[in-house]
Amino acid sequence: MSRMWTTAVAGAAAGLGVAMPVGAVGVLLVQEGMRDRRGAVAAASAVAVVDLAYAAAATALGPWVASTLSGVEAWVRLVAAAVLAGIAGRGLWGSRGPAAPRL
């Protein structure tokens, strides 16, 4: 295989790794596909439609939101950091004690 093809295949593999992460929804779709193919196709179609709706909303409203928040970027970052710190603190606080026994 030539160097060009090796680089192209490596780039395509890296692109697929970034473009197709298997998150919680992907795992659920795979599990559904193992049980019922028709149900998995319907679920994947629904996920794609919702993803398209989110992308369309972000494309349509993104410039307006950016221009509206153009003067307060620092405050938006501070609030986002505080929310993330609160989520992290709650997770740490909840994990400090012994785990409850599962029955």
PDB file of N, CA and C in Angstrom:
ATOM      1  N   MET A   1       0.856  -1.171   0.000  1.00  0.00           N
ATOM      2  CA  MET A   1       0.000   0.000   0.000  1.00  0.00           C
ATOM      3  C   MET A   1       0.901   1.233   0.000  1.00  0.00           C
ATOM      4  N   SER A   2       0.582   2.199  -0.812  1.00  0.00           N
ATOM      5  CA  SER A   2       1.423   3.388  -0.901  1.00  0.00           C
ATOM      6  C   SER A   2       1.218   4.274   0.324  1.00  0.00           C
ATOM      7  N   ARG A   3       2.128   5.198   0.481  1.00  0.00           N
ATOM      8  CA  ARG A   3       2.073   6.091   1.634  1.00  0.00           C
ATOM      9  C   ARG A   3       0.808   6.947   1.599  1.00  0.00           C
ATOM     10  N   MET A   4       0.389   7.360   0.407  1.00  0.00           N
ATOM     11  CA  MET A   4      -0.813   8.177   0.277  1.00  0.00           C
ATOM     12  C   MET A   4      -2.048   7.403   0.758  1.00  0.00           C
ATOM     13  N   TRP A   5      -2.164   6.148   0.348  1.00  0.00           N
ATOM     14  CA  TRP A   5      -3.314   5.347   0.754  1.00  0.00           C
ATOM     15  C   TRP A   5      -3.280   5.065   2.248  1.00  0.00           C
ATOM     16  N   THR A   6      -2.115   4.829   2.795  1.00  0.00           N
ATOM     17  CA  THR A   6      -1.997   4.599   4.234  1.00  0.00           C
ATOM     18  C   THR A   6      -2.463   5.818   5.009  1.00  0.00           C
ATOM     19  N   THR A   7      -2.047   6.987   4.565  1.00  0.00           N
ATOM     20  CA  THR A   7      -2.462   8.226   5.213  1.00  0.00           C
ATOM     21  C   THR A   7      -3.965   8.457   5.044  1.00  0.00           C
ATOM     22  N   ALA A   8      -4.493   8.173   3.854  1.00  0.00           N
ATOM     23  CA  ALA A   8      -5.927   8.361   3.607  1.00  0.00           C
ATOM     24  C   ALA A   8      -6.761   7.432   4.475  1.00  0.00           C
ATOM     25  N   VAL A   9      -6.348   6.183   4.589  1.00  0.00           N
ATOM     26  CA  VAL A   9      -7.099   5.229   5.413  1.00  0.00           C
ATOM     27  C   VAL A   9      -7.016   5.611   6.881  1.00  0.00           C
ATOM     28  N   ALA A  10      -5.838   6.054   7.333  1.00  0.00           N
ATOM     29  CA  ALA A  10      -5.701   6.489   8.729  1.00  0.00           C
ATOM     30  C   ALA A  10      -6.575   7.707   8.997  1.00  0.00           C
ATOM     31  N   GLY A  11      -6.624   8.636   8.056  1.00  0.00           N
ATOM     32  CA  GLY A  11      -7.482   9.810   8.217  1.00  0.00           C
ATOM     33  C   GLY A  11      -8.956   9.460   8.224  1.00  0.00           C
ATOM     34  N   ALA A  12      -9.347   8.525   7.370  1.00  0.00           N
ATOM     35  CA  ALA A  12     -10.749   8.097   7.337  1.00  0.00           C
ATOM     36  C   ALA A  12     -11.125   7.399   8.634  1.00  0.00           C
ATOM     37  N   ALA A  13     -10.240   6.573   9.158  1.00  0.00           N
ATOM     38  CA  ALA A  13     -10.516   5.885  10.427  1.00  0.00           C
ATOM     39  C   ALA A  13     -10.625   6.890  11.569  1.00  0.00           C
ATOM     40  N   ALA A  14      -9.741   7.880  11.584  1.00  0.00           N
ATOM     41  CA  ALA A  14      -9.821   8.906  12.625  1.00  0.00           C
ATOM     42  C   ALA A  14     -11.104   9.713  12.483  1.00  0.00           C
ATOM     43  N   GLY A  15     -11.505  10.019  11.254  1.00  0.00           N
ATOM     44  CA  GLY A  15     -12.743  10.756  11.036  1.00  0.00           C
ATOM     45  C   GLY A  15     -13.963   9.982  11.494  1.00  0.00           C
ATOM     46  N   LEU A  16     -13.979   8.691  11.231  1.00  0.00           N
ATOM     47  CA  LEU A  16     -15.096   7.867  11.704  1.00  0.00           C
ATOM     48  C   LEU A  16     -15.112   7.789  13.223  1.00  0.00           C
ATOM     49  N   GLY A  17     -13.945   7.742  13.819  1.00  0.00           N
ATOM     50  CA  GLY A  17     -13.865   7.708  15.282  1.00  0.00           C
ATOM     51  C   GLY A  17     -14.425   8.968  15.911  1.00  0.00           C
ATOM     52  N   VAL A  18     -14.254  10.097  15.253  1.00  0.00           N
ATOM     53  CA  VAL A  18     -14.776  11.361  15.762  1.00  0.00           C
ATOM     54  C   VAL A  18     -16.247  11.523  15.391  1.00  0.00           C
ATOM     55  N   ALA A  19     -16.611  11.117  14.188  1.00  0.00           N
ATOM     56  CA  ALA A  19     -17.965  11.354  13.688  1.00  0.00           C
ATOM     57  C   ALA A  19     -18.981  10.372  14.251  1.00  0.00           C
ATOM     58  N   MET A  20     -18.561   9.186  14.627  1.00  0.00           N
ATOM     59  CA  MET A  20     -19.508   8.168  15.076  1.00  0.00           C
ATOM     60  C   MET A  20     -19.179   7.655  16.483  1.00  0.00           C
ATOM     61  N   PRO A  21     -19.230   8.534  17.492  1.00  0.00           N
ATOM     62  CA  PRO A  21     -18.973   8.026  18.836  1.00  0.00           C
ATOM     63  C   PRO A  21     -20.137   7.153  19.291  1.00  0.00           C
ATOM     64  N   VAL A  22     -19.822   6.098  19.985  1.00  0.00           N
ATOM     65  CA  VAL A  22     -20.869   5.216  20.490  1.00  0.00           C
ATOM     66  C   VAL A  22     -21.156   5.635  21.927  1.00  0.00           C
ATOM     67  N   GLY A  23     -22.142   6.498  22.052  1.00  0.00           N
ATOM     68  CA  GLY A  23     -22.560   6.956  23.368  1.00  0.00           C
ATOM     69  C   GLY A  23     -23.721   6.116  23.870  1.00  0.00           C
ATOM     70  N   ALA A  24     -24.435   6.673  24.817  1.00  0.00           N
ATOM     71  CA  ALA A  24     -25.550   5.945  25.428  1.00  0.00           C
ATOM     72  C   ALA A  24     -26.637   5.635  24.406  1.00  0.00           C
ATOM     73  N   VAL A  25     -26.944   6.595  23.550  1.00  0.00           N
ATOM     74  CA  VAL A  25     -27.995   6.372  22.548  1.00  0.00           C
ATOM     75  C   VAL A  25     -27.547   5.309  21.549  1.00  0.00           C
ATOM     76  N   GLY A  26     -26.281   5.365  21.136  1.00  0.00           N
ATOM     77  CA  GLY A  26     -25.762   4.357  20.210  1.00  0.00           C
ATOM     78  C   GLY A  26     -25.823   2.955  20.790  1.00  0.00           C
ATOM     79  N   VAL A  27     -25.486   2.830  22.063  1.00  0.00           N
ATOM     80  CA  VAL A  27     -25.548   1.518  22.720  1.00  0.00           C
ATOM     81  C   VAL A  27     -26.989   1.025  22.788  1.00  0.00           C
ATOM     82  N   LEU A  28     -27.920   1.915  23.111  1.00  0.00           N
ATOM     83  CA  LEU A  28     -29.332   1.521  23.150  1.00  0.00           C
ATOM     84  C   LEU A  28     -29.824   1.076  21.775  1.00  0.00           C
ATOM     85  N   LEU A  29     -29.376   1.770  20.725  1.00  0.00           N
ATOM     86  CA  LEU A  29     -29.785   1.386  19.377  1.00  0.00           C
ATOM     87  C   LEU A  29     -29.204   0.025  18.990  1.00  0.00           C
ATOM     88  N   VAL A  30     -27.966  -0.227  19.378  1.00  0.00           N
ATOM     89  CA  VAL A  30     -27.373  -1.536  19.089  1.00  0.00           C
ATOM     90  C   VAL A  30     -28.116  -2.638  19.837  1.00  0.00           C
ATOM     91  N   GLN A  31     -28.448  -2.385  21.101  1.00  0.00           N
ATOM     92  CA  GLN A  31     -29.206  -3.379  21.865  1.00  0.00           C
ATOM     93  C   GLN A  31     -30.577  -3.630  21.246  1.00  0.00           C
ATOM     94  N   GLU A  32     -31.231  -2.569  20.822  1.00  0.00           N
ATOM     95  CA  GLU A  32     -32.534  -2.721  20.178  1.00  0.00           C
ATOM     96  C   GLU A  32     -32.392  -3.484  18.868  1.00  0.00           C
ATOM     97  N   GLY A  33     -31.318  -3.236  18.141  1.00  0.00           N
ATOM     98  CA  GLY A  33     -31.082  -3.934  16.882  1.00  0.00           C
ATOM     99  C   GLY A  33     -30.859  -5.421  17.069  1.00  0.00           C
ATOM    100  N   MET A  34     -30.290  -5.807  18.205  1.00  0.00           N
ATOM    101  CA  MET A  34     -30.106  -7.238  18.467  1.00  0.00           C
ATOM    102  C   MET A  34     -31.424  -7.932  18.774  1.00  0.00           C
ATOM    103  N   ARG A  35     -32.406  -7.172  19.271  1.00  0.00           N
ATOM    104  CA  ARG A  35     -33.702  -7.762  19.583  1.00  0.00           C
ATOM    105  C   ARG A  35     -34.649  -7.713  18.396  1.00  0.00           C
ATOM    106  N   ASP A  36     -34.748  -6.529  17.776  1.00  0.00           N
ATOM    107  CA  ASP A  36     -35.739  -6.326  16.723  1.00  0.00           C
ATOM    108  C   ASP A  36     -35.203  -5.310  15.722  1.00  0.00           C
ATOM    109  N   ARG A  37     -34.931  -5.762  14.522  1.00  0.00           N
ATOM    110  CA  ARG A  37     -34.334  -4.884  13.510  1.00  0.00           C
ATOM    111  C   ARG A  37     -35.279  -3.753  13.118  1.00  0.00           C
ATOM    112  N   ARG A  38     -36.547  -4.041  12.977  1.00  0.00           N
ATOM    113  CA  ARG A  38     -37.515  -3.014  12.579  1.00  0.00           C
ATOM    114  C   ARG A  38     -37.622  -1.924  13.650  1.00  0.00           C
ATOM    115  N   GLY A  39     -37.635  -2.332  14.894  1.00  0.00           N
ATOM    116  CA  GLY A  39     -37.666  -1.351  15.987  1.00  0.00           C
ATOM    117  C   GLY A  39     -36.412  -0.502  16.041  1.00  0.00           C
ATOM    118  N   ALA A  40     -35.267  -1.117  15.742  1.00  0.00           N
ATOM    119  CA  ALA A  40     -34.007  -0.373  15.746  1.00  0.00           C
ATOM    120  C   ALA A  40     -33.982   0.651  14.623  1.00  0.00           C
ATOM    121  N   VAL A  41     -34.503   0.282  13.464  1.00  0.00           N
ATOM    122  CA  VAL A  41     -34.548   1.235  12.343  1.00  0.00           C
ATOM    123  C   VAL A  41     -35.462   2.404  12.692  1.00  0.00           C
ATOM    124  N   ALA A  42     -36.590   2.130  13.314  1.00  0.00           N
ATOM    125  CA  ALA A  42     -37.503   3.199  13.717  1.00  0.00           C
ATOM    126  C   ALA A  42     -36.856   4.103  14.766  1.00  0.00           C
ATOM    127  N   ALA A  43     -36.185   3.507  15.736  1.00  0.00           N
ATOM    128  CA  ALA A  43     -35.536   4.299  16.777  1.00  0.00           C
ATOM    129  C   ALA A  43     -34.406   5.141  16.194  1.00  0.00           C
ATOM    130  N   ALA A  44     -33.613   4.563  15.301  1.00  0.00           N
ATOM    131  CA  ALA A  44     -32.516   5.311  14.689  1.00  0.00           C
ATOM    132  C   ALA A  44     -33.061   6.450  13.837  1.00  0.00           C
ATOM    133  N   SER A  45     -34.166   6.225  13.158  1.00  0.00           N
ATOM    134  CA  SER A  45     -34.786   7.291  12.366  1.00  0.00           C
ATOM    135  C   SER A  45     -35.268   8.420  13.263  1.00  0.00           C
ATOM    136  N   ALA A  46     -35.862   8.076  14.388  1.00  0.00           N
ATOM    137  CA  ALA A  46     -36.326   9.099  15.330  1.00  0.00           C
ATOM    138  C   ALA A  46     -35.153   9.903  15.879  1.00  0.00           C
ATOM    139  N   VAL A  47     -34.062   9.235  16.212  1.00  0.00           N
ATOM    140  CA  VAL A  47     -32.874   9.932  16.707  1.00  0.00           C
ATOM    141  C   VAL A  47     -32.337  10.869  15.635  1.00  0.00           C
ATOM    142  N   ALA A  48     -32.323  10.425  14.389  1.00  0.00           N
ATOM    143  CA  ALA A  48     -31.829  11.265  13.296  1.00  0.00           C
ATOM    144  C   ALA A  48     -32.717  12.486  13.083  1.00  0.00           C
ATOM    145  N   VAL A  49     -34.035  12.331  13.205  1.00  0.00           N
ATOM    146  CA  VAL A  49     -34.953  13.458  13.020  1.00  0.00           C
ATOM    147  C   VAL A  49     -34.759  14.482  14.138  1.00  0.00           C
ATOM    148  N   VAL A  50     -34.625  14.021  15.362  1.00  0.00           N
ATOM    149  CA  VAL A  50     -34.418  14.944  16.478  1.00  0.00           C
ATOM    150  C   VAL A  50     -33.073  15.648  16.338  1.00  0.00           C
ATOM    151  N   ASP A  51     -32.042  14.907  15.933  1.00  0.00           N
ATOM    152  CA  ASP A  51     -30.734  15.516  15.721  1.00  0.00           C
ATOM    153  C   ASP A  51     -30.802  16.574  14.620  1.00  0.00           C
ATOM    154  N   LEU A  52     -31.534  16.294  13.553  1.00  0.00           N
ATOM    155  CA  LEU A  52     -31.719  17.271  12.483  1.00  0.00           C
ATOM    156  C   LEU A  52     -32.442  18.512  12.996  1.00  0.00           C
ATOM    157  N   ALA A  53     -33.456  18.324  13.836  1.00  0.00           N
ATOM    158  CA  ALA A  53     -34.185  19.470  14.386  1.00  0.00           C
ATOM    159  C   ALA A  53     -33.272  20.332  15.259  1.00  0.00           C
ATOM    160  N   TYR A  54     -32.435  19.701  16.093  1.00  0.00           N
ATOM    161  CA  TYR A  54     -31.494  20.463  16.914  1.00  0.00           C
ATOM    162  C   TYR A  54     -30.496  21.215  16.040  1.00  0.00           C
ATOM    163  N   ALA A  55     -29.996  20.570  14.999  1.00  0.00           N
ATOM    164  CA  ALA A  55     -29.041  21.228  14.108  1.00  0.00           C
ATOM    165  C   ALA A  55     -29.691  22.402  13.386  1.00  0.00           C
ATOM    166  N   ALA A  56     -30.927  22.231  12.948  1.00  0.00           N
ATOM    167  CA  ALA A  56     -31.631  23.319  12.271  1.00  0.00           C
ATOM    168  C   ALA A  56     -31.875  24.489  13.220  1.00  0.00           C
ATOM    169  N   ALA A  57     -32.261  24.193  14.446  1.00  0.00           N
ATOM    170  CA  ALA A  57     -32.483  25.266  15.427  1.00  0.00           C
ATOM    171  C   ALA A  57     -31.181  25.996  15.741  1.00  0.00           C
ATOM    172  N   ALA A  58     -30.087  25.248  15.887  1.00  0.00           N
ATOM    173  CA  ALA A  58     -28.796  25.884  16.165  1.00  0.00           C
ATOM    174  C   ALA A  58     -28.344  26.747  14.997  1.00  0.00           C
ATOM    175  N   THR A  59     -28.584  26.273  13.787  1.00  0.00           N
ATOM    176  CA  THR A  59     -28.200  27.049  12.609  1.00  0.00           C
ATOM    177  C   THR A  59     -29.062  28.301  12.475  1.00  0.00           C
ATOM    178  N   ALA A  60     -30.338  28.174  12.739  1.00  0.00           N
ATOM    179  CA  ALA A  60     -31.244  29.317  12.583  1.00  0.00           C
ATOM    180  C   ALA A  60     -31.082  30.333  13.711  1.00  0.00           C
ATOM    181  N   LEU A  61     -30.926  29.866  14.941  1.00  0.00           N
ATOM    182  CA  LEU A  61     -30.901  30.770  16.089  1.00  0.00           C
ATOM    183  C   LEU A  61     -29.504  31.109  16.577  1.00  0.00           C
ATOM    184  N   GLY A  62     -28.489  30.389  16.125  1.00  0.00           N
ATOM    185  CA  GLY A  62     -27.131  30.598  16.603  1.00  0.00           C
ATOM    186  C   GLY A  62     -26.615  32.018  16.430  1.00  0.00           C
ATOM    187  N   PRO A  63     -26.729  32.591  15.243  1.00  0.00           N
ATOM    188  CA  PRO A  63     -26.247  33.972  15.072  1.00  0.00           C
ATOM    189  C   PRO A  63     -26.989  34.982  15.954  1.00  0.00           C
ATOM    190  N   TRP A  64     -28.277  34.796  16.124  1.00  0.00           N
ATOM    191  CA  TRP A  64     -29.054  35.700  16.978  1.00  0.00           C
ATOM    192  C   TRP A  64     -28.604  35.589  18.429  1.00  0.00           C
ATOM    193  N   VAL A  65     -28.420  34.369  18.921  1.00  0.00           N
ATOM    194  CA  VAL A  65     -27.970  34.170  20.304  1.00  0.00           C
ATOM    195  C   VAL A  65     -26.570  34.742  20.489  1.00  0.00           C
ATOM    196  N   ALA A  66     -25.702  34.518  19.511  1.00  0.00           N
ATOM    197  CA  ALA A  66     -24.331  35.033  19.607  1.00  0.00           C
ATOM    198  C   ALA A  66     -24.316  36.555  19.658  1.00  0.00           C
ATOM    199  N   SER A  67     -25.139  37.191  18.835  1.00  0.00           N
ATOM    200  CA  SER A  67     -25.161  38.656  18.847  1.00  0.00           C
ATOM    201  C   SER A  67     -25.808  39.190  20.121  1.00  0.00           C
ATOM    202  N   THR A  68     -26.782  38.477  20.654  1.00  0.00           N
ATOM    203  CA  THR A  68     -27.443  38.902  21.889  1.00  0.00           C
ATOM    204  C   THR A  68     -26.488  38.813  23.074  1.00  0.00           C
ATOM    205  N   LEU A  69     -25.674  37.775  23.110  1.00  0.00           N
ATOM    206  CA  LEU A  69     -24.761  37.563  24.236  1.00  0.00           C
ATOM    207  C   LEU A  69     -23.369  38.128  23.989  1.00  0.00           C
ATOM    208  N   SER A  70     -23.202  38.936  22.950  1.00  0.00           N
ATOM    209  CA  SER A  70     -21.862  39.393  22.570  1.00  0.00           C
ATOM    210  C   SER A  70     -21.185  40.234  23.647  1.00  0.00           C
ATOM    211  N   GLY A  71     -21.913  40.923  24.467  1.00  0.00           N
ATOM    212  CA  GLY A  71     -21.289  41.762  25.487  1.00  0.00           C
ATOM    213  C   GLY A  71     -21.076  41.108  26.823  1.00  0.00           C
ATOM    214  N   VAL A  72     -21.590  39.909  26.995  1.00  0.00           N
ATOM    215  CA  VAL A  72     -21.528  39.285  28.324  1.00  0.00           C
ATOM    216  C   VAL A  72     -20.871  37.904  28.291  1.00  0.00           C
ATOM    217  N   GLU A  73     -19.878  37.715  27.417  1.00  0.00           N
ATOM    218  CA  GLU A  73     -19.242  36.396  27.310  1.00  0.00           C
ATOM    219  C   GLU A  73     -18.615  35.961  28.631  1.00  0.00           C
ATOM    220  N   ALA A  74     -18.005  36.906  29.329  1.00  0.00           N
ATOM    221  CA  ALA A  74     -17.340  36.557  30.592  1.00  0.00           C
ATOM    222  C   ALA A  74     -18.351  36.030  31.604  1.00  0.00           C
ATOM    223  N   TRP A  75     -19.523  36.675  31.687  1.00  0.00           N
ATOM    224  CA  TRP A  75     -20.545  36.213  32.630  1.00  0.00           C
ATOM    225  C   TRP A  75     -21.095  34.849  32.243  1.00  0.00           C
ATOM    226  N   VAL A  76     -21.278  34.635  30.951  1.00  0.00           N
ATOM    227  CA  VAL A  76     -21.761  33.331  30.488  1.00  0.00           C
ATOM    228  C   VAL A  76     -20.758  32.244  30.870  1.00  0.00           C
ATOM    229  N   ARG A  77     -19.466  32.524  30.694  1.00  0.00           N
ATOM    230  CA  ARG A  77     -18.433  31.551  31.062  1.00  0.00           C
ATOM    231  C   ARG A  77     -18.417  31.296  32.557  1.00  0.00           C
ATOM    232  N   LEU A  78     -18.567  32.370  33.361  1.00  0.00           N
ATOM    233  CA  LEU A  78     -18.579  32.201  34.811  1.00  0.00           C
ATOM    234  C   LEU A  78     -19.775  31.373  35.278  1.00  0.00           C
ATOM    235  N   VAL A  79     -20.939  31.651  34.705  1.00  0.00           N
ATOM    236  CA  VAL A  79     -22.129  30.878  35.079  1.00  0.00           C
ATOM    237  C   VAL A  79     -21.972  29.422  34.664  1.00  0.00           C
ATOM    238  N   ALA A  80     -21.447  29.176  33.465  1.00  0.00           N
ATOM    239  CA  ALA A  80     -21.223  27.801  33.010  1.00  0.00           C
ATOM    240  C   ALA A  80     -20.233  27.086  33.913  1.00  0.00           C
ATOM    241  N   ALA A  81     -19.160  27.779  34.314  1.00  0.00           N
ATOM    242  CA  ALA A  81     -18.179  27.173  35.214  1.00  0.00           C
ATOM    243  C   ALA A  81     -18.798  26.871  36.574  1.00  0.00           C
ATOM    244  N   ALA A  82     -19.641  27.763  37.067  1.00  0.00           N
ATOM    245  CA  ALA A  82     -20.301  27.525  38.357  1.00  0.00           C
ATOM    246  C   ALA A  82     -21.247  26.335  38.284  1.00  0.00           C
ATOM    247  N   VAL A  83     -21.976  26.220  37.180  1.00  0.00           N
ATOM    248  CA  VAL A  83     -22.887  25.074  37.016  1.00  0.00           C
ATOM    249  C   VAL A  83     -22.094  23.768  36.974  1.00  0.00           C
ATOM    250  N   LEU A  84     -21.005  23.745  36.200  1.00  0.00           N
ATOM    251  CA  LEU A  84     -20.179  22.537  36.134  1.00  0.00           C
ATOM    252  C   LEU A  84     -19.556  22.205  37.482  1.00  0.00           C
ATOM    253  N   ALA A  85     -19.099  23.222  38.213  1.00  0.00           N
ATOM    254  CA  ALA A  85     -18.541  22.984  39.546  1.00  0.00           C
ATOM    255  C   ALA A  85     -19.616  22.447  40.490  1.00  0.00           C
ATOM    256  N   GLY A  86     -20.834  22.965  40.376  1.00  0.00           N
ATOM    257  CA  GLY A  86     -21.932  22.457  41.201  1.00  0.00           C
ATOM    258  C   GLY A  86     -22.257  21.002  40.892  1.00  0.00           C
ATOM    259  N   ILE A  87     -22.268  20.648  39.613  1.00  0.00           N
ATOM    260  CA  ILE A  87     -22.520  19.252  39.234  1.00  0.00           C
ATOM    261  C   ILE A  87     -21.416  18.349  39.759  1.00  0.00           C
ATOM    262  N   ALA A  88     -20.165  18.800  39.627  1.00  0.00           N
ATOM    263  CA  ALA A  88     -19.037  18.007  40.130  1.00  0.00           C
ATOM    264  C   ALA A  88     -19.098  17.873  41.642  1.00  0.00           C
ATOM    265  N   GLY A  89     -19.413  18.954  42.330  1.00  0.00           N
ATOM    266  CA  GLY A  89     -19.515  18.901  43.790  1.00  0.00           C
ATOM    267  C   GLY A  89     -20.618  17.967  44.255  1.00  0.00           C
ATOM    268  N   ARG A  90     -21.751  18.015  43.583  1.00  0.00           N
ATOM    269  CA  ARG A  90     -22.849  17.112  43.951  1.00  0.00           C
ATOM    270  C   ARG A  90     -22.455  15.659  43.733  1.00  0.00           C
ATOM    271  N   GLY A  91     -21.767  15.392  42.622  1.00  0.00           N
ATOM    272  CA  GLY A  91     -21.322  14.021  42.368  1.00  0.00           C
ATOM    273  C   GLY A  91     -20.321  13.544  43.396  1.00  0.00           C
ATOM    274  N   LEU A  92     -19.385  14.412  43.761  1.00  0.00           N
ATOM    275  CA  LEU A  92     -18.406  14.035  44.785  1.00  0.00           C
ATOM    276  C   LEU A  92     -19.065  13.858  46.145  1.00  0.00           C
ATOM    277  N   TRP A  93     -19.994  14.746  46.487  1.00  0.00           N
ATOM    278  CA  TRP A  93     -20.681  14.654  47.776  1.00  0.00           C
ATOM    279  C   TRP A  93     -21.496  13.359  47.859  1.00  0.00           C
ATOM    280  N   GLY A  94     -22.126  12.997  46.769  1.00  0.00           N
ATOM    281  CA  GLY A  94     -22.937  11.775  46.770  1.00  0.00           C
ATOM    282  C   GLY A  94     -22.111  10.516  46.786  1.00  0.00           C
ATOM    283  N   SER A  95     -20.862  10.570  46.356  1.00  0.00           N
ATOM    284  CA  SER A  95     -20.035   9.362  46.307  1.00  0.00           C
ATOM    285  C   SER A  95     -19.164   9.189  47.540  1.00  0.00           C
ATOM    286  N   ARG A  96     -19.282  10.041  48.544  1.00  0.00           N
ATOM    287  CA  ARG A  96     -18.384   9.969  49.692  1.00  0.00           C
ATOM    288  C   ARG A  96     -18.750   8.897  50.697  1.00  0.00           C
ATOM    289  N   GLY A  97     -19.992   8.505  50.746  1.00  0.00           N
ATOM    290  CA  GLY A  97     -20.412   7.509  51.725  1.00  0.00           C
ATOM    291  C   GLY A  97     -20.373   6.101  51.142  1.00  0.00           C
ATOM    292  N   PRO A  98     -20.590   5.120  52.011  1.00  0.00           N
ATOM    293  CA  PRO A  98     -20.626   3.746  51.494  1.00  0.00           C
ATOM    294  C   PRO A  98     -21.860   3.556  50.600  1.00  0.00           C
ATOM    295  N   ALA A  99     -21.682   2.708  49.636  1.00  0.00           N
ATOM    296  CA  ALA A  99     -22.778   2.442  48.707  1.00  0.00           C
ATOM    297  C   ALA A  99     -23.892   1.677  49.410  1.00  0.00           C
ATOM    298  N   ALA A 100     -25.112   2.020  49.055  1.00  0.00           N
ATOM    299  CA  ALA A 100     -26.255   1.329  49.631  1.00  0.00           C
ATOM    300  C   ALA A 100     -26.312  -0.100  49.072  1.00  0.00           C
ATOM    301  N   PRO A 101     -26.633  -1.060  49.919  1.00  0.00           N
ATOM    302  CA  PRO A 101     -26.701  -2.445  49.407  1.00  0.00           C
ATOM    303  C   PRO A 101     -27.853  -2.600  48.430  1.00  0.00           C
ATOM    304  N   ARG A 102     -27.576  -3.315  47.365  1.00  0.00           N
ATOM    305  CA  ARG A 102     -28.615  -3.586  46.363  1.00  0.00           C
ATOM    306  C   ARG A 102     -29.239  -4.939  46.655  1.00  0.00           C
ATOM    307  N   LEU A 103     -30.526  -4.940  46.563  1.00  0.00           N
ATOM    308  CA  LEU A 103     -31.246  -6.203  46.805  1.00  0.00           C
ATOM    309  C   LEU A 103     -31.653  -6.832  45.532  1.00  0.00           C
TER     310      LEU A 103
END
